[in-house]
Amino acid sequence: MTAPSRLVVISPVRNEEKNIGATLSSVIAQTARPVRWVIVDDGSIDRTAEIAESHAAQHPWISVLRLSDRGYYDLMFGGEIKAFYEGLRTIRDVDFAFLGKLDGDVSFGPTYYEDLLQRFNALPRLGIAGGGCYYLSGGRMVYEPAYELHVRGAARLYRRACWDDIGGVIPGLGWDAVDCYKARMLGWQTRTFEDIRFIHHVVTWTKGGLLHGRKRSGRIEYLMGTHPLFFASKVLREIGRRPYLLRAYCVTVGYLQSAFRGEKRVCDPYLLRYIRREQLDRLLKRRAGSRDRMRERGGRY
């Protein structure tokens, strides 16, 4: 078994009875296993905690922390990352070099962590990284497209130096976007490696219902201060995705509700300016790319 490079992993989970077995099997089979894996049961009302505890009893490097049931699944206000921090507090005694955040509804091959750690070793300024997110459809793996500099929150790793540099993540919604922007602002690299695959057994944004998920997405865009033009381009993309118009409507409603409530942005002015500047750069590159493709086809832009 390959040395784990002092990797610790925290998994906030809730009501994952159907999926957590695959996650447990995946991590236990790793060629670069974590030195500590804390599974934080966030008030599950099914057998999630019992399943995790049965595996922890056989593997001393796995522990389970049970939190009380708050009576609802805190999707809109960042309950997931709050549970993550509860788990992180239990490993203050561990001198780790890499920190993983792992959901309880994913699975991957036995070299997932080893492959990611090799990328970190090859790229000294790589601060946050994860594999490509896939889901199963009709028995085959389908890739969920994502901006390559964004790292999926479901199965990611942080270099400890980067984690300390960015001051950890915000304890609320938008944590897994804001941290990547801040890392890049401070000179770190963030990357998704499509060739290092993991399967998300619950399609992104569908917990609590797809349309509710799109409202969360809109709220995130407001909270982190997304540039209005970038947000408008996102809404336009949503119009062409099923269920047509409803997705775009829900993203817009989520954004406007936060705006009308006057919710406080989660980024300081320096980070806000960086985010908007990068988003405008992406829009300009996208426009230039579209123009180039039109020219290649002999058309007019």
C-alpha atoms as a PDB file:
ATOM      1  CA  MET A   1       0.000   0.000   0.000  1.00  0.00           C
ATOM      2  CA  THR A   2       1.318   3.438  -0.993  1.00  0.00           C
ATOM      3  CA  ALA A   3       2.121   5.913   1.799  1.00  0.00           C
ATOM      4  CA  PRO A   4      -0.896   8.206   2.334  1.00  0.00           C
ATOM      5  CA  SER A   5       1.112  11.473   2.567  1.00  0.00           C
ATOM      6  CA  ARG A   6      -0.624  12.221   5.881  1.00  0.00           C
ATOM      7  CA  LEU A   7      -4.090  12.494   4.378  1.00  0.00           C
ATOM      8  CA  VAL A   8      -7.150  13.003   6.580  1.00  0.00           C
ATOM      9  CA  VAL A   9     -10.704  12.916   5.251  1.00  0.00           C
ATOM     10  CA  ILE A  10     -13.942  14.369   6.672  1.00  0.00           C
ATOM     11  CA  SER A  11     -17.334  13.144   5.427  1.00  0.00           C
ATOM     12  CA  PRO A  12     -20.474  15.042   6.452  1.00  0.00           C
ATOM     13  CA  VAL A  13     -23.393  12.702   5.701  1.00  0.00           C
ATOM     14  CA  ARG A  14     -27.132  12.599   6.259  1.00  0.00           C
ATOM     15  CA  ASN A  15     -29.610   9.875   5.312  1.00  0.00           C
ATOM     16  CA  GLU A  16     -27.202   8.081   2.972  1.00  0.00           C
ATOM     17  CA  GLU A  17     -28.270   4.535   3.843  1.00  0.00           C
ATOM     18  CA  LYS A  18     -28.508   3.595   0.158  1.00  0.00           C
ATOM     19  CA  ASN A  19     -25.112   4.977  -0.861  1.00  0.00           C
ATOM     20  CA  ILE A  20     -22.700   5.095   2.055  1.00  0.00           C
ATOM     21  CA  GLY A  21     -21.777   1.421   1.704  1.00  0.00           C
ATOM     22  CA  ALA A  22     -20.197   2.143  -1.688  1.00  0.00           C
ATOM     23  CA  THR A  23     -18.315   5.118  -0.228  1.00  0.00           C
ATOM     24  CA  LEU A  24     -17.016   3.040   2.676  1.00  0.00           C
ATOM     25  CA  SER A  25     -15.873   0.239   0.375  1.00  0.00           C
ATOM     26  CA  SER A  26     -14.144   2.732  -1.932  1.00  0.00           C
ATOM     27  CA  VAL A  27     -12.102   4.402   0.806  1.00  0.00           C
ATOM     28  CA  ILE A  28     -11.194   1.160   2.578  1.00  0.00           C
ATOM     29  CA  ALA A  29      -9.876  -0.229  -0.736  1.00  0.00           C
ATOM     30  CA  GLN A  30      -7.620   2.778  -1.430  1.00  0.00           C
ATOM     31  CA  THR A  31      -3.949   2.205  -2.212  1.00  0.00           C
ATOM     32  CA  ALA A  32      -3.311   5.502  -0.352  1.00  0.00           C
ATOM     33  CA  ARG A  33      -5.695   5.343   2.569  1.00  0.00           C
ATOM     34  CA  PRO A  34      -6.174   8.305   4.913  1.00  0.00           C
ATOM     35  CA  VAL A  35      -4.564   8.149   8.348  1.00  0.00           C
ATOM     36  CA  ARG A  36      -7.884   9.356   9.777  1.00  0.00           C
ATOM     37  CA  TRP A  37     -11.364   9.369   8.309  1.00  0.00           C
ATOM     38  CA  VAL A  38     -14.082  11.083  10.315  1.00  0.00           C
ATOM     39  CA  ILE A  39     -17.650  10.397   9.205  1.00  0.00           C
ATOM     40  CA  VAL A  40     -19.963  13.046  10.631  1.00  0.00           C
ATOM     41  CA  ASP A  41     -23.545  11.823  10.760  1.00  0.00           C
ATOM     42  CA  ASP A  42     -25.611  14.995  10.556  1.00  0.00           C
ATOM     43  CA  GLY A  43     -28.736  13.758  12.328  1.00  0.00           C
ATOM     44  CA  SER A  44     -29.673  10.905   9.991  1.00  0.00           C
ATOM     45  CA  ILE A  45     -33.025   9.246  10.628  1.00  0.00           C
ATOM     46  CA  ASP A  46     -32.128   6.109   8.670  1.00  0.00           C
ATOM     47  CA  ARG A  47     -29.341   3.517   9.176  1.00  0.00           C
ATOM     48  CA  THR A  48     -26.483   5.699   7.890  1.00  0.00           C
ATOM     49  CA  ALA A  49     -24.723   5.988  11.257  1.00  0.00           C
ATOM     50  CA  GLU A  50     -25.121   2.296  12.056  1.00  0.00           C
ATOM     51  CA  ILE A  51     -23.603   1.263   8.722  1.00  0.00           C
ATOM     52  CA  ALA A  52     -20.666   3.636   9.218  1.00  0.00           C
ATOM     53  CA  GLU A  53     -20.114   2.469  12.793  1.00  0.00           C
ATOM     54  CA  SER A  54     -20.069  -1.191  11.759  1.00  0.00           C
ATOM     55  CA  HIS A  55     -17.141  -0.431   9.433  1.00  0.00           C
ATOM     56  CA  ALA A  56     -15.415   1.826  11.977  1.00  0.00           C
ATOM     57  CA  ALA A  57     -15.429  -1.066  14.450  1.00  0.00           C
ATOM     58  CA  GLN A  58     -13.210  -3.014  12.029  1.00  0.00           C
ATOM     59  CA  HIS A  59     -10.918  -0.134  11.015  1.00  0.00           C
ATOM     60  CA  PRO A  60      -9.440   1.995  13.828  1.00  0.00           C
ATOM     61  CA  TRP A  61      -8.550   4.841  11.453  1.00  0.00           C
ATOM     62  CA  ILE A  62     -12.292   5.412  10.839  1.00  0.00           C
ATOM     63  CA  SER A  63     -14.411   7.218  13.429  1.00  0.00           C
ATOM     64  CA  VAL A  64     -18.050   8.275  13.458  1.00  0.00           C
ATOM     65  CA  LEU A  65     -19.326  11.481  15.041  1.00  0.00           C
ATOM     66  CA  ARG A  66     -23.076  11.668  15.565  1.00  0.00           C
ATOM     67  CA  LEU A  67     -24.797  15.064  15.571  1.00  0.00           C
ATOM     68  CA  SER A  68     -28.352  15.573  16.780  1.00  0.00           C
ATOM     69  CA  ASP A  69     -31.172  15.807  14.256  1.00  0.00           C
ATOM     70  CA  ARG A  70     -32.143  19.447  13.763  1.00  0.00           C
ATOM     71  CA  GLY A  71     -35.447  18.273  12.298  1.00  0.00           C
ATOM     72  CA  TYR A  72     -34.713  19.210   8.691  1.00  0.00           C
ATOM     73  CA  TYR A  73     -31.998  18.876   6.062  1.00  0.00           C
ATOM     74  CA  ASP A  74     -30.121  22.186   6.038  1.00  0.00           C
ATOM     75  CA  LEU A  75     -29.442  22.469   2.306  1.00  0.00           C
ATOM     76  CA  MET A  76     -30.059  26.182   1.815  1.00  0.00           C
ATOM     77  CA  PHE A  77     -27.850  27.495   4.619  1.00  0.00           C
ATOM     78  CA  GLY A  78     -24.769  25.290   4.425  1.00  0.00           C
ATOM     79  CA  GLY A  79     -25.490  22.567   6.981  1.00  0.00           C
ATOM     80  CA  GLU A  80     -23.110  20.256   5.121  1.00  0.00           C
ATOM     81  CA  ILE A  81     -20.019  22.374   5.693  1.00  0.00           C
ATOM     82  CA  LYS A  82     -21.022  23.150   9.282  1.00  0.00           C
ATOM     83  CA  ALA A  83     -21.017  19.393   9.909  1.00  0.00           C
ATOM     84  CA  PHE A  84     -17.646  19.180   8.155  1.00  0.00           C
ATOM     85  CA  TYR A  85     -16.160  21.636  10.656  1.00  0.00           C
ATOM     86  CA  GLU A  86     -17.541  19.585  13.549  1.00  0.00           C
ATOM     87  CA  GLY A  87     -15.530  16.662  12.219  1.00  0.00           C
ATOM     88  CA  LEU A  88     -12.431  18.763  11.643  1.00  0.00           C
ATOM     89  CA  ARG A  89     -12.403  19.800  15.312  1.00  0.00           C
ATOM     90  CA  THR A  90     -11.935  16.156  16.304  1.00  0.00           C
ATOM     91  CA  ILE A  91      -8.583  15.798  14.508  1.00  0.00           C
ATOM     92  CA  ARG A  92      -6.697  18.771  15.914  1.00  0.00           C
ATOM     93  CA  ASP A  93      -4.094  16.324  17.173  1.00  0.00           C
ATOM     94  CA  VAL A  94      -3.260  15.061  13.670  1.00  0.00           C
ATOM     95  CA  ASP A  95      -0.360  16.629  11.753  1.00  0.00           C
ATOM     96  CA  PHE A  96      -1.803  16.207   8.266  1.00  0.00           C
ATOM     97  CA  ALA A  97      -0.461  17.367   4.917  1.00  0.00           C
ATOM     98  CA  PHE A  98      -3.658  16.927   2.900  1.00  0.00           C
ATOM     99  CA  LEU A  99      -7.301  17.360   3.855  1.00  0.00           C
ATOM    100  CA  GLY A 100     -10.137  15.655   2.023  1.00  0.00           C
ATOM    101  CA  LYS A 101     -13.831  16.467   1.962  1.00  0.00           C
ATOM    102  CA  LEU A 102     -15.878  13.484   0.847  1.00  0.00           C
ATOM    103  CA  ASP A 103     -19.627  13.042   0.503  1.00  0.00           C
ATOM    104  CA  GLY A 104     -21.387   9.846   1.504  1.00  0.00           C
ATOM    105  CA  ASP A 105     -22.912   9.235  -1.912  1.00  0.00           C
ATOM    106  CA  VAL A 106     -19.811   8.783  -4.088  1.00  0.00           C
ATOM    107  CA  SER A 107     -17.587   5.882  -5.104  1.00  0.00           C
ATOM    108  CA  PHE A 108     -14.322   5.545  -7.002  1.00  0.00           C
ATOM    109  CA  GLY A 109     -11.545   3.166  -7.945  1.00  0.00           C
ATOM    110  CA  PRO A 110      -8.797   2.036  -5.533  1.00  0.00           C
ATOM    111  CA  THR A 111      -6.206   4.540  -6.786  1.00  0.00           C
ATOM    112  CA  TYR A 112      -8.368   7.690  -6.571  1.00  0.00           C
ATOM    113  CA  TYR A 113      -6.441   9.279  -3.697  1.00  0.00           C
ATOM    114  CA  GLU A 114      -3.077   7.969  -4.870  1.00  0.00           C
ATOM    115  CA  ASP A 115      -3.631   9.489  -8.316  1.00  0.00           C
ATOM    116  CA  LEU A 116      -4.636  12.852  -6.863  1.00  0.00           C
ATOM    117  CA  LEU A 117      -1.692  12.915  -4.474  1.00  0.00           C
ATOM    118  CA  GLN A 118       0.649  12.243  -7.390  1.00  0.00           C
ATOM    119  CA  ARG A 119      -0.757  15.339  -9.148  1.00  0.00           C
ATOM    120  CA  PHE A 120      -0.148  17.369  -5.993  1.00  0.00           C
ATOM    121  CA  ASN A 121       3.431  16.102  -5.830  1.00  0.00           C
ATOM    122  CA  ALA A 122       3.984  17.006  -9.492  1.00  0.00           C
ATOM    123  CA  LEU A 123       2.466  20.499  -9.135  1.00  0.00           C
ATOM    124  CA  PRO A 124       3.856  22.318  -6.070  1.00  0.00           C
ATOM    125  CA  ARG A 125       1.326  25.165  -6.339  1.00  0.00           C
ATOM    126  CA  LEU A 126      -1.684  22.878  -6.722  1.00  0.00           C
ATOM    127  CA  GLY A 127      -3.830  23.826  -3.743  1.00  0.00           C
ATOM    128  CA  ILE A 128      -7.264  22.255  -4.353  1.00  0.00           C
ATOM    129  CA  ALA A 129      -7.974  19.333  -6.670  1.00  0.00           C
ATOM    130  CA  GLY A 130     -10.457  16.589  -7.370  1.00  0.00           C
ATOM    131  CA  GLY A 131     -11.469  14.105  -9.982  1.00  0.00           C
ATOM    132  CA  GLY A 132     -14.017  14.366 -12.748  1.00  0.00           C
ATOM    133  CA  CYS A 133     -17.596  13.901 -11.563  1.00  0.00           C
ATOM    134  CA  TYR A 134     -19.601  11.198 -13.321  1.00  0.00           C
ATOM    135  CA  TYR A 135     -23.041   9.737 -12.766  1.00  0.00           C
ATOM    136  CA  LEU A 136     -24.579   6.483 -13.922  1.00  0.00           C
ATOM    137  CA  SER A 137     -27.240   6.494 -16.619  1.00  0.00           C
ATOM    138  CA  GLY A 138     -28.457   3.323 -18.284  1.00  0.00           C
ATOM    139  CA  GLY A 139     -25.493   1.404 -16.938  1.00  0.00           C
ATOM    140  CA  ARG A 140     -22.873   3.777 -18.323  1.00  0.00           C
ATOM    141  CA  MET A 141     -20.839   6.607 -16.830  1.00  0.00           C
ATOM    142  CA  VAL A 142     -21.798  10.104 -17.958  1.00  0.00           C
ATOM    143  CA  TYR A 143     -19.515  13.062 -17.259  1.00  0.00           C
ATOM    144  CA  GLU A 144     -20.981  16.133 -15.577  1.00  0.00           C
ATOM    145  CA  PRO A 145     -19.293  19.031 -17.394  1.00  0.00           C
ATOM    146  CA  ALA A 146     -17.659  21.638 -15.174  1.00  0.00           C
ATOM    147  CA  TYR A 147     -15.245  24.535 -15.426  1.00  0.00           C
ATOM    148  CA  GLU A 148     -11.841  22.879 -15.139  1.00  0.00           C
ATOM    149  CA  LEU A 149     -10.653  25.299 -12.451  1.00  0.00           C
ATOM    150  CA  HIS A 150     -13.666  24.533 -10.286  1.00  0.00           C
ATOM    151  CA  VAL A 151     -13.332  21.483  -8.042  1.00  0.00           C
ATOM    152  CA  ARG A 152     -16.397  19.471  -7.125  1.00  0.00           C
ATOM    153  CA  GLY A 153     -17.136  19.617  -3.435  1.00  0.00           C
ATOM    154  CA  ALA A 154     -18.163  15.967  -3.284  1.00  0.00           C
ATOM    155  CA  ALA A 155     -14.662  14.434  -3.498  1.00  0.00           C
ATOM    156  CA  ARG A 156     -11.863  16.981  -3.243  1.00  0.00           C
ATOM    157  CA  LEU A 157      -8.484  17.393  -1.570  1.00  0.00           C
ATOM    158  CA  TYR A 158      -6.759  20.453  -0.133  1.00  0.00           C
ATOM    159  CA  ARG A 159      -3.044  20.885   0.338  1.00  0.00           C
ATOM    160  CA  ARG A 160      -2.638  21.862   3.995  1.00  0.00           C
ATOM    161  CA  ALA A 161      -0.593  24.959   3.122  1.00  0.00           C
ATOM    162  CA  CYS A 162      -3.350  26.164   0.798  1.00  0.00           C
ATOM    163  CA  TRP A 163      -6.063  25.432   3.351  1.00  0.00           C
ATOM    164  CA  ASP A 164      -4.192  27.514   5.937  1.00  0.00           C
ATOM    165  CA  ASP A 165      -3.484  30.280   3.417  1.00  0.00           C
ATOM    166  CA  ILE A 166      -7.153  30.742   2.474  1.00  0.00           C
ATOM    167  CA  GLY A 167      -8.205  30.481   6.112  1.00  0.00           C
ATOM    168  CA  GLY A 168     -10.318  27.391   5.538  1.00  0.00           C
ATOM    169  CA  VAL A 169     -13.732  27.676   3.933  1.00  0.00           C
ATOM    170  CA  ILE A 170     -16.715  29.830   4.775  1.00  0.00           C
ATOM    171  CA  PRO A 171     -19.185  27.984   7.051  1.00  0.00           C
ATOM    172  CA  GLY A 172     -22.118  28.362   4.710  1.00  0.00           C
ATOM    173  CA  LEU A 173     -23.519  28.087   1.220  1.00  0.00           C
ATOM    174  CA  GLY A 174     -21.055  28.743  -1.583  1.00  0.00           C
ATOM    175  CA  TRP A 175     -18.038  27.439   0.335  1.00  0.00           C
ATOM    176  CA  ASP A 176     -16.879  25.202  -2.538  1.00  0.00           C
ATOM    177  CA  ALA A 177     -16.811  28.050  -5.059  1.00  0.00           C
ATOM    178  CA  VAL A 178     -15.477  30.855  -2.895  1.00  0.00           C
ATOM    179  CA  ASP A 179     -12.507  28.811  -1.680  1.00  0.00           C
ATOM    180  CA  CYS A 180     -11.351  28.043  -5.230  1.00  0.00           C
ATOM    181  CA  TYR A 181     -11.546  31.704  -6.220  1.00  0.00           C
ATOM    182  CA  LYS A 182      -9.657  32.754  -3.104  1.00  0.00           C
ATOM    183  CA  ALA A 183      -6.985  30.119  -3.645  1.00  0.00           C
ATOM    184  CA  ARG A 184      -6.399  31.343  -7.194  1.00  0.00           C
ATOM    185  CA  MET A 185      -6.330  34.959  -6.016  1.00  0.00           C
ATOM    186  CA  LEU A 186      -3.522  33.989  -3.624  1.00  0.00           C
ATOM    187  CA  GLY A 187      -1.516  32.271  -6.334  1.00  0.00           C
ATOM    188  CA  TRP A 188      -2.605  28.648  -5.872  1.00  0.00           C
ATOM    189  CA  GLN A 189      -3.779  26.373  -8.652  1.00  0.00           C
ATOM    190  CA  THR A 190      -7.152  24.624  -8.551  1.00  0.00           C
ATOM    191  CA  ARG A 191      -7.927  21.779 -10.928  1.00  0.00           C
ATOM    192  CA  THR A 192     -10.406  19.098 -11.838  1.00  0.00           C
ATOM    193  CA  PHE A 193      -8.743  16.083 -13.438  1.00  0.00           C
ATOM    194  CA  GLU A 194     -11.313  14.378 -15.662  1.00  0.00           C
ATOM    195  CA  ASP A 195      -9.153  11.268 -16.048  1.00  0.00           C
ATOM    196  CA  ILE A 196      -9.330  10.622 -12.288  1.00  0.00           C
ATOM    197  CA  ARG A 197     -12.949   9.611 -12.004  1.00  0.00           C
ATOM    198  CA  PHE A 198     -15.492   9.398  -9.232  1.00  0.00           C
ATOM    199  CA  ILE A 199     -19.165   8.484  -9.456  1.00  0.00           C
ATOM    200  CA  HIS A 200     -21.732  10.711  -7.794  1.00  0.00           C
ATOM    201  CA  HIS A 201     -24.691   8.462  -7.066  1.00  0.00           C
ATOM    202  CA  VAL A 202     -26.983  11.456  -6.557  1.00  0.00           C
ATOM    203  CA  VAL A 203     -26.793  13.889  -9.480  1.00  0.00           C
ATOM    204  CA  THR A 204     -25.454  17.309  -8.477  1.00  0.00           C
ATOM    205  CA  TRP A 205     -28.077  19.823  -7.300  1.00  0.00           C
ATOM    206  CA  THR A 206     -30.872  17.232  -7.091  1.00  0.00           C
ATOM    207  CA  LYS A 207     -30.936  16.657  -3.322  1.00  0.00           C
ATOM    208  CA  GLY A 208     -34.151  18.207  -2.101  1.00  0.00           C
ATOM    209  CA  GLY A 209     -35.363  18.354  -5.707  1.00  0.00           C
ATOM    210  CA  LEU A 210     -33.776  19.756  -8.866  1.00  0.00           C
ATOM    211  CA  LEU A 211     -35.704  23.043  -8.845  1.00  0.00           C
ATOM    212  CA  HIS A 212     -34.895  23.645  -5.182  1.00  0.00           C
ATOM    213  CA  GLY A 213     -31.280  22.947  -6.116  1.00  0.00           C
ATOM    214  CA  ARG A 214     -31.377  25.593  -8.819  1.00  0.00           C
ATOM    215  CA  LYS A 215     -32.689  28.101  -6.269  1.00  0.00           C
ATOM    216  CA  ARG A 216     -29.699  27.264  -4.068  1.00  0.00           C
ATOM    217  CA  SER A 217     -27.466  27.869  -7.077  1.00  0.00           C
ATOM    218  CA  GLY A 218     -28.976  31.303  -7.620  1.00  0.00           C
ATOM    219  CA  ARG A 219     -28.532  32.175  -3.960  1.00  0.00           C
ATOM    220  CA  ILE A 220     -24.874  31.157  -4.130  1.00  0.00           C
ATOM    221  CA  GLU A 221     -24.304  33.437  -7.117  1.00  0.00           C
ATOM    222  CA  TYR A 222     -25.722  36.364  -5.165  1.00  0.00           C
ATOM    223  CA  LEU A 223     -23.850  35.609  -1.948  1.00  0.00           C
ATOM    224  CA  MET A 224     -20.450  35.449  -3.600  1.00  0.00           C
ATOM    225  CA  GLY A 225     -21.115  38.545  -5.703  1.00  0.00           C
ATOM    226  CA  THR A 226     -21.141  37.061  -9.204  1.00  0.00           C
ATOM    227  CA  HIS A 227     -20.834  39.696 -11.923  1.00  0.00           C
ATOM    228  CA  PRO A 228     -24.310  40.558 -13.317  1.00  0.00           C
ATOM    229  CA  LEU A 229     -23.220  39.764 -16.897  1.00  0.00           C
ATOM    230  CA  PHE A 230     -21.828  36.402 -15.829  1.00  0.00           C
ATOM    231  CA  PHE A 231     -25.018  35.622 -13.949  1.00  0.00           C
ATOM    232  CA  ALA A 232     -27.100  36.589 -16.995  1.00  0.00           C
ATOM    233  CA  SER A 233     -25.065  34.202 -19.158  1.00  0.00           C
ATOM    234  CA  LYS A 234     -25.718  31.434 -16.638  1.00  0.00           C
ATOM    235  CA  VAL A 235     -29.461  32.065 -16.740  1.00  0.00           C
ATOM    236  CA  LEU A 236     -29.398  31.941 -20.543  1.00  0.00           C
ATOM    237  CA  ARG A 237     -27.646  28.561 -20.441  1.00  0.00           C
ATOM    238  CA  GLU A 238     -30.254  27.241 -18.025  1.00  0.00           C
ATOM    239  CA  ILE A 239     -33.074  28.144 -20.436  1.00  0.00           C
ATOM    240  CA  GLY A 240     -31.943  25.439 -22.849  1.00  0.00           C
ATOM    241  CA  ARG A 241     -31.826  22.660 -20.232  1.00  0.00           C
ATOM    242  CA  ARG A 242     -34.686  20.479 -19.074  1.00  0.00           C
ATOM    243  CA  PRO A 243     -37.078  21.266 -17.572  1.00  0.00           C
ATOM    244  CA  TYR A 244     -36.993  24.201 -19.998  1.00  0.00           C
ATOM    245  CA  LEU A 245     -37.437  27.703 -18.545  1.00  0.00           C
ATOM    246  CA  LEU A 246     -38.146  26.340 -15.046  1.00  0.00           C
ATOM    247  CA  ARG A 247     -34.454  25.896 -14.296  1.00  0.00           C
ATOM    248  CA  ALA A 248     -33.677  29.456 -15.366  1.00  0.00           C
ATOM    249  CA  TYR A 249     -36.680  30.736 -13.414  1.00  0.00           C
ATOM    250  CA  CYS A 250     -35.572  29.015 -10.195  1.00  0.00           C
ATOM    251  CA  VAL A 251     -31.953  30.225 -10.487  1.00  0.00           C
ATOM    252  CA  THR A 252     -33.243  33.774 -10.958  1.00  0.00           C
ATOM    253  CA  VAL A 253     -35.688  33.494  -8.049  1.00  0.00           C
ATOM    254  CA  GLY A 254     -32.940  32.226  -5.743  1.00  0.00           C
ATOM    255  CA  TYR A 255     -30.737  35.186  -6.702  1.00  0.00           C
ATOM    256  CA  LEU A 256     -33.475  37.810  -6.394  1.00  0.00           C
ATOM    257  CA  GLN A 257     -34.792  36.513  -3.068  1.00  0.00           C
ATOM    258  CA  SER A 258     -31.343  36.976  -1.546  1.00  0.00           C
ATOM    259  CA  ALA A 259     -31.042  40.414  -3.145  1.00  0.00           C
ATOM    260  CA  PHE A 260     -34.430  41.588  -1.840  1.00  0.00           C
ATOM    261  CA  ARG A 261     -33.592  40.309   1.645  1.00  0.00           C
ATOM    262  CA  GLY A 262     -30.346  42.255   1.492  1.00  0.00           C
ATOM    263  CA  GLU A 263     -28.256  39.240   2.486  1.00  0.00           C
ATOM    264  CA  LYS A 264     -24.642  39.972   3.263  1.00  0.00           C
ATOM    265  CA  ARG A 265     -22.078  38.947   0.663  1.00  0.00           C
ATOM    266  CA  VAL A 266     -19.642  36.299   1.840  1.00  0.00           C
ATOM    267  CA  CYS A 267     -16.567  37.795   0.127  1.00  0.00           C
ATOM    268  CA  ASP A 268     -14.458  40.753   1.173  1.00  0.00           C
ATOM    269  CA  PRO A 269     -14.066  43.590  -1.380  1.00  0.00           C
ATOM    270  CA  TYR A 270     -10.704  42.311  -2.668  1.00  0.00           C
ATOM    271  CA  LEU A 271     -12.004  38.810  -3.340  1.00  0.00           C
ATOM    272  CA  LEU A 272     -15.224  40.189  -4.829  1.00  0.00           C
ATOM    273  CA  ARG A 273     -13.243  42.230  -7.349  1.00  0.00           C
ATOM    274  CA  TYR A 274     -11.092  39.205  -8.192  1.00  0.00           C
ATOM    275  CA  ILE A 275     -14.145  36.994  -8.750  1.00  0.00           C
ATOM    276  CA  ARG A 276     -15.820  39.496 -11.063  1.00  0.00           C
ATOM    277  CA  ARG A 277     -12.613  40.133 -13.006  1.00  0.00           C
ATOM    278  CA  GLU A 278     -12.064  36.405 -13.574  1.00  0.00           C
ATOM    279  CA  GLN A 279     -15.695  35.933 -14.593  1.00  0.00           C
ATOM    280  CA  LEU A 280     -15.476  38.743 -17.133  1.00  0.00           C
ATOM    281  CA  ASP A 281     -12.271  37.199 -18.515  1.00  0.00           C
ATOM    282  CA  ARG A 282     -14.116  33.890 -18.938  1.00  0.00           C
ATOM    283  CA  LEU A 283     -16.956  35.632 -20.767  1.00  0.00           C
ATOM    284  CA  LEU A 284     -14.535  37.369 -23.118  1.00  0.00           C
ATOM    285  CA  LYS A 285     -12.686  34.116 -23.853  1.00  0.00           C
ATOM    286  CA  ARG A 286     -15.986  32.323 -24.444  1.00  0.00           C
ATOM    287  CA  ARG A 287     -17.060  35.032 -26.865  1.00  0.00           C
ATOM    288  CA  ALA A 288     -13.696  34.932 -28.657  1.00  0.00           C
ATOM    289  CA  GLY A 289     -13.917  31.132 -28.879  1.00  0.00           C
ATOM    290  CA  SER A 290     -17.402  31.334 -30.397  1.00  0.00           C
ATOM    291  CA  ARG A 291     -16.193  33.890 -32.931  1.00  0.00           C
ATOM    292  CA  ASP A 292     -13.241  31.678 -33.897  1.00  0.00           C
ATOM    293  CA  ARG A 293     -15.512  28.651 -34.369  1.00  0.00           C
ATOM    294  CA  MET A 294     -17.788  30.681 -36.615  1.00  0.00           C
ATOM    295  CA  ARG A 295     -14.829  31.782 -38.735  1.00  0.00           C
ATOM    296  CA  GLU A 296     -13.637  28.195 -39.044  1.00  0.00           C
ATOM    297  CA  ARG A 297     -17.070  27.284 -40.431  1.00  0.00           C
ATOM    298  CA  GLY A 298     -16.884  30.168 -42.871  1.00  0.00           C
ATOM    299  CA  GLY A 299     -19.706  32.083 -41.246  1.00  0.00           C
ATOM    300  CA  ARG A 300     -20.096  35.520 -39.740  1.00  0.00           C
ATOM    301  CA  TYR A 301     -20.143  36.238 -36.057  1.00  0.00           C
END
